[in-house]
Structure formats: structure tokens, C-alpha cells
């Protein structure tokens, strides 16, 4: 917490909350301490406290707290997130997180990165949108997994995703998608999916 420019972050909050085009849900991340603690826990669950110098790519980084923590732990973190979100842009700039803009779309590869990465992470993401035309099936997941594992993960690298809880667990994966994940040796627990590159 001592390394954060909280004064600047809260000034951004105060300026942005006055604007009428901001979704209030985004402002929960200005409750800084619990989100920093949560992201420290994420890093600890990945074992990032037991090593240094790992290369990490965080997809859908939002405010960028996770890559910020990774950098604090002496790793090399980069991030991806959608363009056109001024609030996120301002916070990312304040935190000095290395982030590129990118939409995750079905059957489209991730942009070329400075990989390969030891970890590719995605927290509170919703690539798979149940109940909409954007719902990913096995074919969309297969393309995404092949791209990430084949082009962005180092040997023995790890893909870790935590899908957004706002979607019903039972609708996240159909049986073919579960079989696909299992073919990669995935460990699936609740909304979490872990795949280690073999």
C-alpha cells in the first residue's frame, strides 16, 4: 500500500464519479486495500512469492492491480484490456502498468507479445457469455487455448483463469468444452481453470 499513489487514485475517483457516463460498478476498485489484498492472495496462490523474474501476461487487467503486485514481487508483468475505458486508462497510467489494448473475440489470436510468458492469467473475465450470442462453445475455447498455449506460454508455463461469478456456473461450459479442457489436463474448480503447458 505504501508504494501506491493513493492520493492520485482518489483524485481520479473524485473527478470521474462526477461524470455521468461512468458505470458505478467500476468504482468498487477504489476501495483499494481489499483489492490489493485480493491480488496479493492471487499472486501467492500462483507461487509468485517463491520465485523472481517470471514473465506474466494478465488478460482483462482492469485497474491493473494484479500486474502491479507482480512487479512489486520482482516479476515482469504485462497486461491486456479493452480500449476506450478512460477510468481504467487513467488508473493504469498512475500505476505505470505495461498494458496494451485488445478485445478478446472468438477465433482471433491475441496480439504479438513480449513472451513467451511463464504465466498467462485472466481474473474476473467473461469471454464465455452464457445466454447471449457471444457464448463460447468448444470451438471458440479450442482456438483460444491453442493460441495462448501455443504462442504465448513458455515451456511448462501456466494458464490460470477465474471466470466472472456473475454468470451461472452451470452454463459456463457445455460437455464438449469440459472434454476439451480435460484434454489439456485442466484442473477445474468452481470458476477457476488451470492448465499447465505440456
N, C-alpha and C. Protein backbone atom coordinates (compact mmCIF):
# COMPACT_ATOMS: atom_id res chain seq x y z
N UNK A 1 0.83 -1.20 0.00
CA UNK A 1 0.00 0.00 0.00
C UNK A 1 0.86 1.25 0.00
N UNK A 2 2.00 1.17 0.66
CA UNK A 2 2.86 2.35 0.76
C UNK A 2 3.43 2.76 -0.59
N UNK A 3 3.49 1.84 -1.54
CA UNK A 3 4.05 2.17 -2.85
C UNK A 3 3.02 2.80 -3.78
N UNK A 4 1.75 2.76 -3.41
CA UNK A 4 0.69 3.29 -4.26
C UNK A 4 0.53 4.80 -4.08
N UNK A 5 0.26 5.47 -5.16
CA UNK A 5 -0.06 6.89 -5.09
C UNK A 5 -1.57 7.01 -4.83
N UNK A 6 -1.97 6.74 -3.59
CA UNK A 6 -3.41 6.71 -3.27
C UNK A 6 -4.04 8.09 -3.42
N UNK A 7 -3.28 9.13 -3.18
CA UNK A 7 -3.82 10.48 -3.33
C UNK A 7 -4.25 10.70 -4.77
N UNK A 8 -3.42 10.29 -5.72
CA UNK A 8 -3.74 10.45 -7.13
C UNK A 8 -4.91 9.54 -7.53
N UNK A 9 -4.91 8.31 -7.03
CA UNK A 9 -6.01 7.39 -7.35
C UNK A 9 -7.35 7.94 -6.87
N UNK A 10 -7.37 8.48 -5.66
CA UNK A 10 -8.63 9.01 -5.13
C UNK A 10 -9.03 10.30 -5.83
N UNK A 11 -8.05 11.06 -6.31
CA UNK A 11 -8.38 12.25 -7.11
C UNK A 11 -9.03 11.83 -8.43
N UNK A 12 -8.54 10.76 -9.02
CA UNK A 12 -9.17 10.23 -10.24
C UNK A 12 -10.60 9.82 -9.94
N UNK A 13 -10.78 9.11 -8.81
CA UNK A 13 -12.13 8.70 -8.43
C UNK A 13 -13.07 9.89 -8.32
N UNK A 14 -12.62 10.92 -7.62
CA UNK A 14 -13.48 12.08 -7.39
C UNK A 14 -13.83 12.80 -8.69
N UNK A 15 -12.87 12.86 -9.60
CA UNK A 15 -13.13 13.52 -10.88
C UNK A 15 -14.08 12.69 -11.74
N UNK A 16 -13.89 11.38 -11.75
CA UNK A 16 -14.67 10.52 -12.62
C UNK A 16 -16.09 10.28 -12.11
N UNK A 17 -16.26 10.26 -10.79
CA UNK A 17 -17.59 9.99 -10.25
C UNK A 17 -18.55 11.11 -10.59
N UNK A 18 -18.01 12.29 -10.84
CA UNK A 18 -18.87 13.43 -11.20
C UNK A 18 -19.38 13.34 -12.63
N UNK A 19 -18.76 12.49 -13.42
CA UNK A 19 -19.18 12.34 -14.81
C UNK A 19 -20.38 11.40 -14.88
N UNK A 20 -21.26 11.64 -15.80
CA UNK A 20 -22.49 10.86 -15.88
C UNK A 20 -22.34 9.59 -16.71
N UNK A 21 -21.20 9.42 -17.40
CA UNK A 21 -21.05 8.28 -18.32
C UNK A 21 -20.27 7.12 -17.71
N UNK A 22 -20.04 7.14 -16.42
CA UNK A 22 -19.28 6.06 -15.77
C UNK A 22 -20.22 5.09 -15.07
N UNK A 23 -19.96 3.78 -15.28
CA UNK A 23 -20.74 2.77 -14.57
C UNK A 23 -20.27 2.71 -13.12
N UNK A 24 -21.19 2.78 -12.19
CA UNK A 24 -20.82 2.80 -10.77
C UNK A 24 -20.09 1.55 -10.34
N UNK A 25 -20.35 0.41 -11.02
CA UNK A 25 -19.69 -0.84 -10.63
C UNK A 25 -18.17 -0.72 -10.72
N UNK A 26 -17.66 0.12 -11.62
CA UNK A 26 -16.22 0.28 -11.76
C UNK A 26 -15.58 0.93 -10.53
N UNK A 27 -16.35 1.66 -9.77
CA UNK A 27 -15.78 2.41 -8.66
C UNK A 27 -15.49 1.55 -7.44
N UNK A 28 -15.96 0.30 -7.44
CA UNK A 28 -15.65 -0.58 -6.31
C UNK A 28 -14.15 -0.80 -6.18
N UNK A 29 -13.41 -0.67 -7.27
CA UNK A 29 -11.97 -0.90 -7.24
C UNK A 29 -11.20 0.23 -6.55
N UNK A 30 -11.88 1.33 -6.27
CA UNK A 30 -11.24 2.40 -5.49
C UNK A 30 -11.27 2.10 -4.00
N UNK A 31 -11.95 1.05 -3.59
CA UNK A 31 -11.80 0.53 -2.23
C UNK A 31 -10.50 -0.26 -2.25
N UNK A 32 -9.40 0.46 -2.21
CA UNK A 32 -8.10 -0.05 -2.65
C UNK A 32 -7.58 -1.21 -1.82
N UNK A 33 -7.58 -1.08 -0.51
CA UNK A 33 -6.92 -2.10 0.32
C UNK A 33 -7.45 -3.51 0.09
N UNK A 34 -8.77 -3.76 0.08
CA UNK A 34 -9.24 -5.13 -0.15
C UNK A 34 -8.84 -5.69 -1.52
N UNK A 35 -8.78 -4.83 -2.53
CA UNK A 35 -8.40 -5.31 -3.85
C UNK A 35 -6.91 -5.59 -3.94
N UNK A 36 -6.10 -4.81 -3.24
CA UNK A 36 -4.68 -5.12 -3.17
C UNK A 36 -4.47 -6.44 -2.44
N UNK A 37 -5.18 -6.63 -1.33
CA UNK A 37 -5.07 -7.89 -0.58
C UNK A 37 -5.49 -9.06 -1.45
N UNK A 38 -6.61 -8.92 -2.17
CA UNK A 38 -7.08 -9.99 -3.05
C UNK A 38 -6.04 -10.33 -4.12
N UNK A 39 -5.40 -9.33 -4.67
CA UNK A 39 -4.42 -9.59 -5.71
C UNK A 39 -3.11 -10.14 -5.15
N UNK A 40 -2.77 -9.80 -3.93
CA UNK A 40 -1.65 -10.46 -3.27
C UNK A 40 -1.97 -11.94 -3.08
N UNK A 41 -3.19 -12.25 -2.65
CA UNK A 41 -3.59 -13.65 -2.50
C UNK A 41 -3.51 -14.40 -3.82
N UNK A 42 -3.93 -13.75 -4.90
CA UNK A 42 -3.84 -14.38 -6.22
C UNK A 42 -2.39 -14.72 -6.55
N UNK A 43 -1.50 -13.77 -6.31
CA UNK A 43 -0.08 -14.00 -6.58
C UNK A 43 0.47 -15.12 -5.71
N UNK A 44 0.06 -15.16 -4.46
CA UNK A 44 0.53 -16.22 -3.56
C UNK A 44 0.02 -17.58 -3.99
N UNK A 45 -1.25 -17.65 -4.46
CA UNK A 45 -1.80 -18.93 -4.91
C UNK A 45 -1.05 -19.45 -6.14
N UNK A 46 -0.48 -18.55 -6.93
CA UNK A 46 0.31 -18.96 -8.09
C UNK A 46 1.77 -19.26 -7.72
N UNK A 47 2.13 -19.02 -6.47
CA UNK A 47 3.50 -19.28 -6.03
C UNK A 47 4.49 -18.20 -6.43
N UNK A 48 4.01 -17.01 -6.72
CA UNK A 48 4.89 -15.95 -7.20
C UNK A 48 5.76 -15.35 -6.10
N UNK A 49 5.50 -15.72 -4.86
CA UNK A 49 6.35 -15.26 -3.76
C UNK A 49 7.59 -16.13 -3.60
N UNK A 50 7.59 -17.31 -4.24
CA UNK A 50 8.70 -18.25 -4.10
C UNK A 50 9.72 -18.15 -5.22
N UNK A 51 9.59 -17.17 -6.09
CA UNK A 51 10.48 -17.03 -7.23
C UNK A 51 10.57 -15.56 -7.60
N UNK A 52 11.44 -15.28 -8.54
CA UNK A 52 11.59 -13.92 -9.06
C UNK A 52 11.77 -13.99 -10.56
N UNK A 53 11.49 -12.90 -11.25
CA UNK A 53 11.81 -12.78 -12.66
C UNK A 53 10.91 -13.55 -13.61
N UNK A 54 9.75 -13.98 -13.16
CA UNK A 54 8.83 -14.67 -14.06
C UNK A 54 8.16 -13.65 -14.98
N UNK A 55 7.81 -14.10 -16.20
CA UNK A 55 7.14 -13.25 -17.17
C UNK A 55 5.65 -13.56 -17.13
N UNK A 56 4.82 -12.53 -16.94
CA UNK A 56 3.39 -12.71 -16.72
C UNK A 56 2.61 -11.83 -17.69
N UNK A 57 1.57 -12.40 -18.28
CA UNK A 57 0.63 -11.65 -19.11
C UNK A 57 -0.74 -11.75 -18.47
N UNK A 58 -1.32 -10.62 -18.09
CA UNK A 58 -2.63 -10.59 -17.44
C UNK A 58 -3.68 -10.07 -18.43
N UNK A 59 -4.65 -10.92 -18.75
CA UNK A 59 -5.68 -10.59 -19.72
C UNK A 59 -6.90 -10.00 -19.00
N UNK A 60 -7.42 -8.89 -19.50
CA UNK A 60 -8.58 -8.26 -18.85
C UNK A 60 -8.18 -7.66 -17.52
N UNK A 61 -7.13 -6.87 -17.53
CA UNK A 61 -6.47 -6.46 -16.28
C UNK A 61 -7.24 -5.42 -15.47
N UNK A 62 -8.21 -4.72 -16.09
CA UNK A 62 -8.98 -3.72 -15.33
C UNK A 62 -8.10 -2.61 -14.80
N UNK A 63 -8.13 -2.41 -13.48
CA UNK A 63 -7.33 -1.38 -12.85
C UNK A 63 -5.83 -1.70 -12.85
N UNK A 64 -5.48 -2.95 -13.09
CA UNK A 64 -4.06 -3.32 -13.16
C UNK A 64 -3.43 -3.66 -11.83
N UNK A 65 -4.24 -3.92 -10.81
CA UNK A 65 -3.66 -4.24 -9.50
C UNK A 65 -2.82 -5.53 -9.54
N UNK A 66 -3.27 -6.55 -10.31
CA UNK A 66 -2.51 -7.80 -10.31
C UNK A 66 -1.13 -7.62 -10.93
N UNK A 67 -1.00 -7.05 -12.13
CA UNK A 67 0.37 -6.84 -12.63
C UNK A 67 1.20 -5.89 -11.76
N UNK A 68 0.54 -4.95 -11.10
CA UNK A 68 1.25 -4.06 -10.18
C UNK A 68 1.89 -4.88 -9.05
N UNK A 69 1.11 -5.81 -8.48
CA UNK A 69 1.62 -6.67 -7.41
C UNK A 69 2.75 -7.55 -7.94
N UNK A 70 2.57 -8.08 -9.16
CA UNK A 70 3.62 -8.93 -9.75
C UNK A 70 4.92 -8.16 -9.88
N UNK A 71 4.85 -6.92 -10.35
CA UNK A 71 6.05 -6.10 -10.46
C UNK A 71 6.66 -5.84 -9.09
N UNK A 72 5.82 -5.60 -8.09
CA UNK A 72 6.31 -5.40 -6.73
C UNK A 72 7.08 -6.62 -6.24
N UNK A 73 6.62 -7.82 -6.67
CA UNK A 73 7.28 -9.08 -6.29
C UNK A 73 8.46 -9.41 -7.21
N UNK A 74 8.89 -8.44 -8.01
CA UNK A 74 10.08 -8.54 -8.85
C UNK A 74 9.90 -9.50 -10.02
N UNK A 75 8.70 -9.49 -10.61
CA UNK A 75 8.43 -10.21 -11.84
C UNK A 75 8.27 -9.19 -12.97
N UNK A 76 8.11 -9.69 -14.19
CA UNK A 76 7.92 -8.83 -15.36
C UNK A 76 6.49 -9.04 -15.84
N UNK A 77 5.65 -8.05 -15.62
CA UNK A 77 4.22 -8.21 -15.91
C UNK A 77 3.78 -7.27 -17.03
N UNK A 78 2.99 -7.82 -17.93
CA UNK A 78 2.33 -7.03 -18.97
C UNK A 78 0.84 -7.34 -18.90
N UNK A 79 0.04 -6.49 -19.52
CA UNK A 79 -1.41 -6.65 -19.40
C UNK A 79 -2.10 -6.32 -20.71
N UNK A 80 -3.30 -6.88 -20.85
CA UNK A 80 -4.19 -6.56 -21.97
C UNK A 80 -5.55 -6.16 -21.42
N UNK A 81 -6.19 -5.20 -22.07
CA UNK A 81 -7.58 -4.89 -21.74
C UNK A 81 -8.18 -4.09 -22.89
N UNK A 82 -9.49 -3.94 -22.85
CA UNK A 82 -10.20 -3.29 -23.95
C UNK A 82 -9.85 -1.81 -24.02
N UNK A 83 -9.88 -1.23 -25.21
CA UNK A 83 -9.67 0.21 -25.34
C UNK A 83 -10.95 0.97 -25.02
N UNK A 84 -10.80 2.27 -24.84
CA UNK A 84 -11.95 3.15 -24.70
C UNK A 84 -12.55 3.23 -23.31
N UNK A 85 -11.81 2.81 -22.30
CA UNK A 85 -12.30 2.90 -20.92
C UNK A 85 -11.41 3.90 -20.18
N UNK A 86 -11.83 5.15 -20.21
CA UNK A 86 -10.99 6.24 -19.70
C UNK A 86 -10.61 6.04 -18.23
N UNK A 87 -11.52 5.56 -17.41
CA UNK A 87 -11.23 5.37 -15.99
C UNK A 87 -10.08 4.38 -15.83
N UNK A 88 -10.18 3.22 -16.50
CA UNK A 88 -9.10 2.23 -16.42
C UNK A 88 -7.80 2.82 -16.96
N UNK A 89 -7.90 3.56 -18.06
CA UNK A 89 -6.70 4.15 -18.65
C UNK A 89 -5.98 5.06 -17.66
N UNK A 90 -6.74 5.86 -16.95
CA UNK A 90 -6.13 6.81 -16.01
C UNK A 90 -5.47 6.08 -14.84
N UNK A 91 -6.12 5.05 -14.33
CA UNK A 91 -5.55 4.31 -13.21
C UNK A 91 -4.30 3.55 -13.66
N UNK A 92 -4.38 2.90 -14.82
CA UNK A 92 -3.24 2.17 -15.37
C UNK A 92 -2.03 3.09 -15.53
N UNK A 93 -2.28 4.29 -16.02
CA UNK A 93 -1.19 5.26 -16.18
C UNK A 93 -0.59 5.63 -14.83
N UNK A 94 -1.44 5.83 -13.83
CA UNK A 94 -0.95 6.18 -12.50
C UNK A 94 -0.12 5.04 -11.90
N UNK A 95 -0.55 3.80 -12.12
CA UNK A 95 0.17 2.65 -11.58
C UNK A 95 1.39 2.27 -12.43
N UNK A 96 1.50 2.88 -13.62
CA UNK A 96 2.60 2.60 -14.54
C UNK A 96 2.66 1.13 -14.94
N UNK A 97 1.47 0.57 -15.19
CA UNK A 97 1.38 -0.83 -15.64
C UNK A 97 1.57 -0.85 -17.16
N UNK A 98 2.34 -1.83 -17.62
CA UNK A 98 2.57 -2.03 -19.05
C UNK A 98 1.36 -2.76 -19.63
N UNK A 99 0.49 -1.98 -20.29
CA UNK A 99 -0.76 -2.56 -20.81
C UNK A 99 -0.97 -2.18 -22.26
N UNK A 100 -1.43 -3.17 -23.04
CA UNK A 100 -1.82 -2.93 -24.43
C UNK A 100 -3.33 -3.10 -24.53
N UNK A 101 -3.93 -2.45 -25.52
CA UNK A 101 -5.37 -2.58 -25.75
C UNK A 101 -5.66 -3.74 -26.68
N UNK A 102 -6.70 -4.50 -26.33
CA UNK A 102 -7.11 -5.63 -27.18
C UNK A 102 -8.47 -6.14 -26.74
N UNK A 103 -9.35 -6.41 -27.71
CA UNK A 103 -10.60 -7.10 -27.45
C UNK A 103 -10.38 -8.60 -27.61
N UNK A 104 -10.90 -9.40 -26.70
CA UNK A 104 -10.90 -10.85 -26.85
C UNK A 104 -12.13 -11.22 -27.66
N UNK A 105 -11.93 -11.66 -28.89
CA UNK A 105 -13.02 -12.06 -29.77
C UNK A 105 -12.84 -13.51 -30.18
N UNK A 106 -13.94 -14.21 -30.43
CA UNK A 106 -13.82 -15.60 -30.87
C UNK A 106 -13.00 -15.71 -32.16
N UNK A 107 -12.13 -16.71 -32.20
CA UNK A 107 -11.35 -17.04 -33.40
C UNK A 107 -10.40 -15.93 -33.83
N UNK A 108 -10.01 -15.08 -32.88
CA UNK A 108 -9.00 -14.06 -33.16
C UNK A 108 -7.84 -14.23 -32.18
N UNK A 109 -6.61 -14.30 -32.69
CA UNK A 109 -5.47 -14.51 -31.79
C UNK A 109 -5.19 -13.28 -30.93
N UNK A 110 -4.50 -13.52 -29.83
CA UNK A 110 -4.00 -12.41 -29.02
C UNK A 110 -2.93 -11.69 -29.82
N UNK A 111 -2.72 -10.42 -29.55
CA UNK A 111 -1.66 -9.70 -30.27
C UNK A 111 -0.29 -10.27 -29.91
N UNK A 112 0.66 -10.08 -30.81
CA UNK A 112 2.03 -10.50 -30.53
C UNK A 112 2.49 -9.82 -29.24
N UNK A 113 3.17 -10.58 -28.41
CA UNK A 113 3.59 -10.04 -27.11
C UNK A 113 5.08 -10.26 -26.91
N UNK A 114 5.56 -9.81 -25.79
CA UNK A 114 6.99 -9.95 -25.48
C UNK A 114 7.26 -11.29 -24.82
N UNK A 115 6.40 -12.26 -25.05
CA UNK A 115 6.53 -13.58 -24.47
C UNK A 115 7.72 -14.33 -25.04
N UNK A 116 7.82 -15.63 -24.77
CA UNK A 116 6.77 -16.39 -24.09
C UNK A 116 6.71 -16.07 -22.60
N UNK A 117 5.52 -16.31 -22.03
CA UNK A 117 5.27 -15.98 -20.64
C UNK A 117 5.24 -17.24 -19.79
N UNK A 118 5.68 -17.10 -18.56
CA UNK A 118 5.60 -18.21 -17.61
C UNK A 118 4.18 -18.39 -17.10
N UNK A 119 3.44 -17.29 -17.04
CA UNK A 119 2.04 -17.31 -16.61
C UNK A 119 1.22 -16.42 -17.54
N UNK A 120 0.07 -16.93 -17.95
CA UNK A 120 -0.96 -16.08 -18.56
C UNK A 120 -2.16 -16.18 -17.63
N UNK A 121 -2.61 -15.04 -17.15
CA UNK A 121 -3.70 -15.02 -16.17
C UNK A 121 -4.88 -14.22 -16.71
N UNK A 122 -6.05 -14.52 -16.18
CA UNK A 122 -7.26 -13.78 -16.54
C UNK A 122 -8.21 -13.86 -15.34
N UNK A 123 -8.40 -12.75 -14.66
CA UNK A 123 -9.23 -12.71 -13.46
C UNK A 123 -10.53 -11.95 -13.73
N UNK A 124 -11.64 -12.49 -13.21
CA UNK A 124 -12.95 -11.86 -13.34
C UNK A 124 -13.28 -11.56 -14.81
N UNK A 125 -12.97 -12.52 -15.67
CA UNK A 125 -13.22 -12.33 -17.09
C UNK A 125 -14.50 -13.05 -17.50
N UNK A 126 -15.01 -12.68 -18.64
CA UNK A 126 -16.24 -13.30 -19.14
C UNK A 126 -16.14 -13.43 -20.66
N UNK A 127 -15.14 -14.20 -21.12
CA UNK A 127 -15.07 -14.46 -22.55
C UNK A 127 -16.33 -15.22 -22.97
N UNK A 128 -16.72 -16.13 -22.10
CA UNK A 128 -17.85 -17.02 -22.37
C UNK A 128 -19.09 -16.39 -21.75
N UNK A 129 -20.01 -15.88 -22.57
CA UNK A 129 -21.15 -15.13 -22.06
C UNK A 129 -22.44 -15.94 -22.20
N UNK A 130 -22.79 -16.71 -21.17
CA UNK A 130 -23.99 -17.54 -21.26
C UNK A 130 -25.24 -16.71 -21.54
N UNK A 131 -26.13 -17.27 -22.36
CA UNK A 131 -27.40 -16.61 -22.62
C UNK A 131 -27.35 -15.55 -23.68
N UNK A 132 -26.19 -15.37 -24.33
CA UNK A 132 -26.08 -14.39 -25.41
C UNK A 132 -25.52 -15.07 -26.64
N UNK A 133 -25.51 -14.36 -27.76
CA UNK A 133 -24.93 -14.89 -28.99
C UNK A 133 -23.42 -15.03 -28.89
N UNK A 134 -22.82 -14.43 -27.85
CA UNK A 134 -21.37 -14.47 -27.69
C UNK A 134 -20.91 -15.69 -26.89
N UNK A 135 -21.82 -16.56 -26.53
CA UNK A 135 -21.45 -17.70 -25.71
C UNK A 135 -20.43 -18.58 -26.43
N UNK A 136 -19.30 -18.81 -25.77
CA UNK A 136 -18.27 -19.64 -26.36
C UNK A 136 -18.60 -21.11 -26.17
N UNK A 137 -18.42 -21.86 -27.23
CA UNK A 137 -18.53 -23.32 -27.20
C UNK A 137 -17.12 -23.89 -27.34
N UNK A 138 -17.04 -25.19 -27.53
CA UNK A 138 -15.73 -25.85 -27.59
C UNK A 138 -14.84 -25.28 -28.69
N UNK A 139 -15.42 -24.94 -29.84
CA UNK A 139 -14.61 -24.45 -30.96
C UNK A 139 -13.92 -23.12 -30.61
N UNK A 140 -14.65 -22.20 -29.97
CA UNK A 140 -14.06 -20.92 -29.59
C UNK A 140 -12.97 -21.11 -28.53
N UNK A 141 -13.27 -21.96 -27.54
CA UNK A 141 -12.28 -22.23 -26.49
C UNK A 141 -11.05 -22.91 -27.08
N UNK A 142 -11.26 -23.84 -28.02
CA UNK A 142 -10.13 -24.56 -28.62
C UNK A 142 -9.18 -23.58 -29.31
N UNK A 143 -9.74 -22.61 -30.06
CA UNK A 143 -8.90 -21.62 -30.73
C UNK A 143 -8.13 -20.80 -29.70
N UNK A 144 -8.83 -20.33 -28.67
CA UNK A 144 -8.21 -19.50 -27.63
C UNK A 144 -7.08 -20.27 -26.93
N UNK A 145 -7.37 -21.51 -26.51
CA UNK A 145 -6.37 -22.30 -25.79
C UNK A 145 -5.16 -22.60 -26.67
N UNK A 146 -5.41 -22.95 -27.92
CA UNK A 146 -4.30 -23.25 -28.83
C UNK A 146 -3.43 -22.01 -29.03
N UNK A 147 -4.06 -20.85 -29.15
CA UNK A 147 -3.30 -19.61 -29.32
C UNK A 147 -2.48 -19.28 -28.08
N UNK A 148 -3.13 -19.29 -26.91
CA UNK A 148 -2.43 -18.93 -25.68
C UNK A 148 -1.32 -19.92 -25.37
N UNK A 149 -1.65 -21.21 -25.39
CA UNK A 149 -0.68 -22.23 -25.02
C UNK A 149 0.41 -22.36 -26.08
N UNK A 150 0.01 -22.30 -27.35
CA UNK A 150 0.98 -22.48 -28.42
C UNK A 150 1.86 -21.30 -28.70
N UNK A 151 1.35 -20.08 -28.46
CA UNK A 151 2.10 -18.89 -28.87
C UNK A 151 2.51 -17.94 -27.74
N UNK A 152 1.92 -18.11 -26.56
CA UNK A 152 2.18 -17.11 -25.51
C UNK A 152 2.73 -17.70 -24.22
N UNK A 153 2.67 -19.03 -24.08
CA UNK A 153 3.19 -19.66 -22.87
C UNK A 153 4.55 -20.29 -23.13
N UNK A 154 5.46 -20.12 -22.18
CA UNK A 154 6.75 -20.79 -22.23
C UNK A 154 6.56 -22.27 -21.90
N UNK A 155 7.59 -23.06 -22.11
CA UNK A 155 7.55 -24.47 -21.73
C UNK A 155 7.22 -24.59 -20.25
N UNK A 156 6.28 -25.46 -19.92
CA UNK A 156 5.79 -25.65 -18.54
C UNK A 156 5.10 -24.41 -17.99
N UNK A 157 4.74 -23.46 -18.87
CA UNK A 157 4.01 -22.28 -18.43
C UNK A 157 2.59 -22.64 -18.01
N UNK A 158 1.95 -21.70 -17.34
CA UNK A 158 0.63 -21.96 -16.74
C UNK A 158 -0.39 -20.91 -17.15
N UNK A 159 -1.53 -21.40 -17.64
CA UNK A 159 -2.69 -20.54 -17.91
C UNK A 159 -3.63 -20.67 -16.72
N UNK A 160 -3.95 -19.53 -16.10
CA UNK A 160 -4.88 -19.53 -14.96
C UNK A 160 -5.99 -18.53 -15.23
N UNK A 161 -7.23 -19.03 -15.25
CA UNK A 161 -8.39 -18.16 -15.47
C UNK A 161 -9.37 -18.30 -14.31
N UNK A 162 -9.95 -17.17 -13.94
CA UNK A 162 -11.05 -17.16 -12.98
C UNK A 162 -12.20 -16.41 -13.64
N UNK A 163 -13.21 -17.17 -14.05
CA UNK A 163 -14.33 -16.57 -14.76
C UNK A 163 -15.23 -15.79 -13.82
N UNK A 164 -15.89 -14.80 -14.36
CA UNK A 164 -16.70 -13.89 -13.54
C UNK A 164 -17.87 -14.62 -12.90
N UNK A 165 -18.03 -14.44 -11.60
CA UNK A 165 -19.11 -15.10 -10.85
C UNK A 165 -20.50 -14.62 -11.24
N UNK A 166 -20.59 -13.54 -12.01
CA UNK A 166 -21.91 -13.02 -12.34
C UNK A 166 -22.66 -13.93 -13.30
N UNK A 167 -21.98 -14.94 -13.84
CA UNK A 167 -22.63 -15.87 -14.74
C UNK A 167 -22.84 -17.21 -14.04
N UNK A 168 -23.97 -17.87 -14.28
CA UNK A 168 -24.26 -19.14 -13.60
C UNK A 168 -23.20 -20.20 -13.90
N UNK A 169 -22.73 -20.86 -12.86
CA UNK A 169 -21.69 -21.86 -13.03
C UNK A 169 -22.12 -22.93 -14.02
N UNK A 170 -23.33 -23.40 -13.92
CA UNK A 170 -23.79 -24.50 -14.77
C UNK A 170 -23.77 -24.18 -16.24
N UNK A 171 -23.75 -22.91 -16.62
CA UNK A 171 -23.79 -22.53 -18.03
C UNK A 171 -22.42 -22.16 -18.60
N UNK A 172 -21.38 -22.21 -17.78
CA UNK A 172 -20.08 -21.79 -18.30
C UNK A 172 -19.59 -22.72 -19.40
N UNK A 173 -19.70 -24.03 -19.20
CA UNK A 173 -19.14 -24.98 -20.15
C UNK A 173 -20.16 -26.03 -20.52
N UNK A 174 -20.27 -26.32 -21.81
CA UNK A 174 -21.05 -27.49 -22.21
C UNK A 174 -20.14 -28.71 -22.11
N UNK A 175 -20.67 -29.88 -22.36
CA UNK A 175 -19.90 -31.11 -22.17
C UNK A 175 -18.69 -31.18 -23.10
N UNK A 176 -18.84 -30.67 -24.32
CA UNK A 176 -17.71 -30.68 -25.26
C UNK A 176 -16.58 -29.78 -24.79
N UNK A 177 -16.95 -28.65 -24.19
CA UNK A 177 -15.92 -27.74 -23.67
C UNK A 177 -15.21 -28.37 -22.49
N UNK A 178 -15.96 -29.05 -21.62
CA UNK A 178 -15.32 -29.75 -20.50
C UNK A 178 -14.34 -30.81 -21.00
N UNK A 179 -14.74 -31.54 -22.03
CA UNK A 179 -13.84 -32.55 -22.61
C UNK A 179 -12.60 -31.90 -23.19
N UNK A 180 -12.79 -30.74 -23.84
CA UNK A 180 -11.65 -30.02 -24.39
C UNK A 180 -10.67 -29.63 -23.28
N UNK A 181 -11.17 -29.01 -22.22
CA UNK A 181 -10.30 -28.63 -21.11
C UNK A 181 -9.60 -29.85 -20.53
N UNK A 182 -10.35 -30.94 -20.37
CA UNK A 182 -9.75 -32.16 -19.82
C UNK A 182 -8.64 -32.69 -20.72
N UNK A 183 -8.78 -32.50 -22.04
CA UNK A 183 -7.74 -32.99 -22.96
C UNK A 183 -6.43 -32.23 -22.77
N UNK A 184 -6.51 -31.02 -22.21
CA UNK A 184 -5.32 -30.25 -21.89
C UNK A 184 -4.83 -30.50 -20.46
N UNK A 185 -5.49 -31.41 -19.76
CA UNK A 185 -5.12 -31.68 -18.37
C UNK A 185 -5.54 -30.59 -17.42
N UNK A 186 -6.60 -29.87 -17.77
CA UNK A 186 -7.03 -28.74 -16.94
C UNK A 186 -7.52 -29.20 -15.57
N UNK A 187 -7.25 -28.38 -14.59
CA UNK A 187 -7.85 -28.54 -13.27
C UNK A 187 -8.93 -27.47 -13.16
N UNK A 188 -10.18 -27.91 -13.01
CA UNK A 188 -11.31 -27.00 -12.93
C UNK A 188 -11.92 -27.08 -11.54
N UNK A 189 -11.95 -25.95 -10.84
CA UNK A 189 -12.56 -25.88 -9.52
C UNK A 189 -13.45 -24.64 -9.48
N UNK A 190 -14.76 -24.84 -9.44
CA UNK A 190 -15.67 -23.70 -9.46
C UNK A 190 -15.46 -22.88 -10.70
N UNK A 191 -15.16 -21.60 -10.50
CA UNK A 191 -14.95 -20.71 -11.64
C UNK A 191 -13.50 -20.65 -12.11
N UNK A 192 -12.63 -21.48 -11.53
CA UNK A 192 -11.22 -21.44 -11.87
C UNK A 192 -10.83 -22.54 -12.84
N UNK A 193 -9.95 -22.22 -13.75
CA UNK A 193 -9.41 -23.19 -14.71
C UNK A 193 -7.90 -23.02 -14.73
N UNK A 194 -7.17 -24.11 -14.52
CA UNK A 194 -5.70 -24.10 -14.55
C UNK A 194 -5.22 -25.10 -15.59
N UNK A 195 -4.35 -24.65 -16.48
CA UNK A 195 -3.75 -25.54 -17.48
C UNK A 195 -2.25 -25.28 -17.49
N UNK A 196 -1.47 -26.33 -17.36
CA UNK A 196 -0.03 -26.23 -17.46
C UNK A 196 0.38 -26.77 -18.82
N UNK A 197 1.21 -26.02 -19.51
CA UNK A 197 1.67 -26.43 -20.85
C UNK A 197 2.52 -27.68 -20.74
N UNK A 198 2.17 -28.67 -21.54
CA UNK A 198 2.90 -29.94 -21.50
C UNK A 198 3.87 -30.03 -22.66
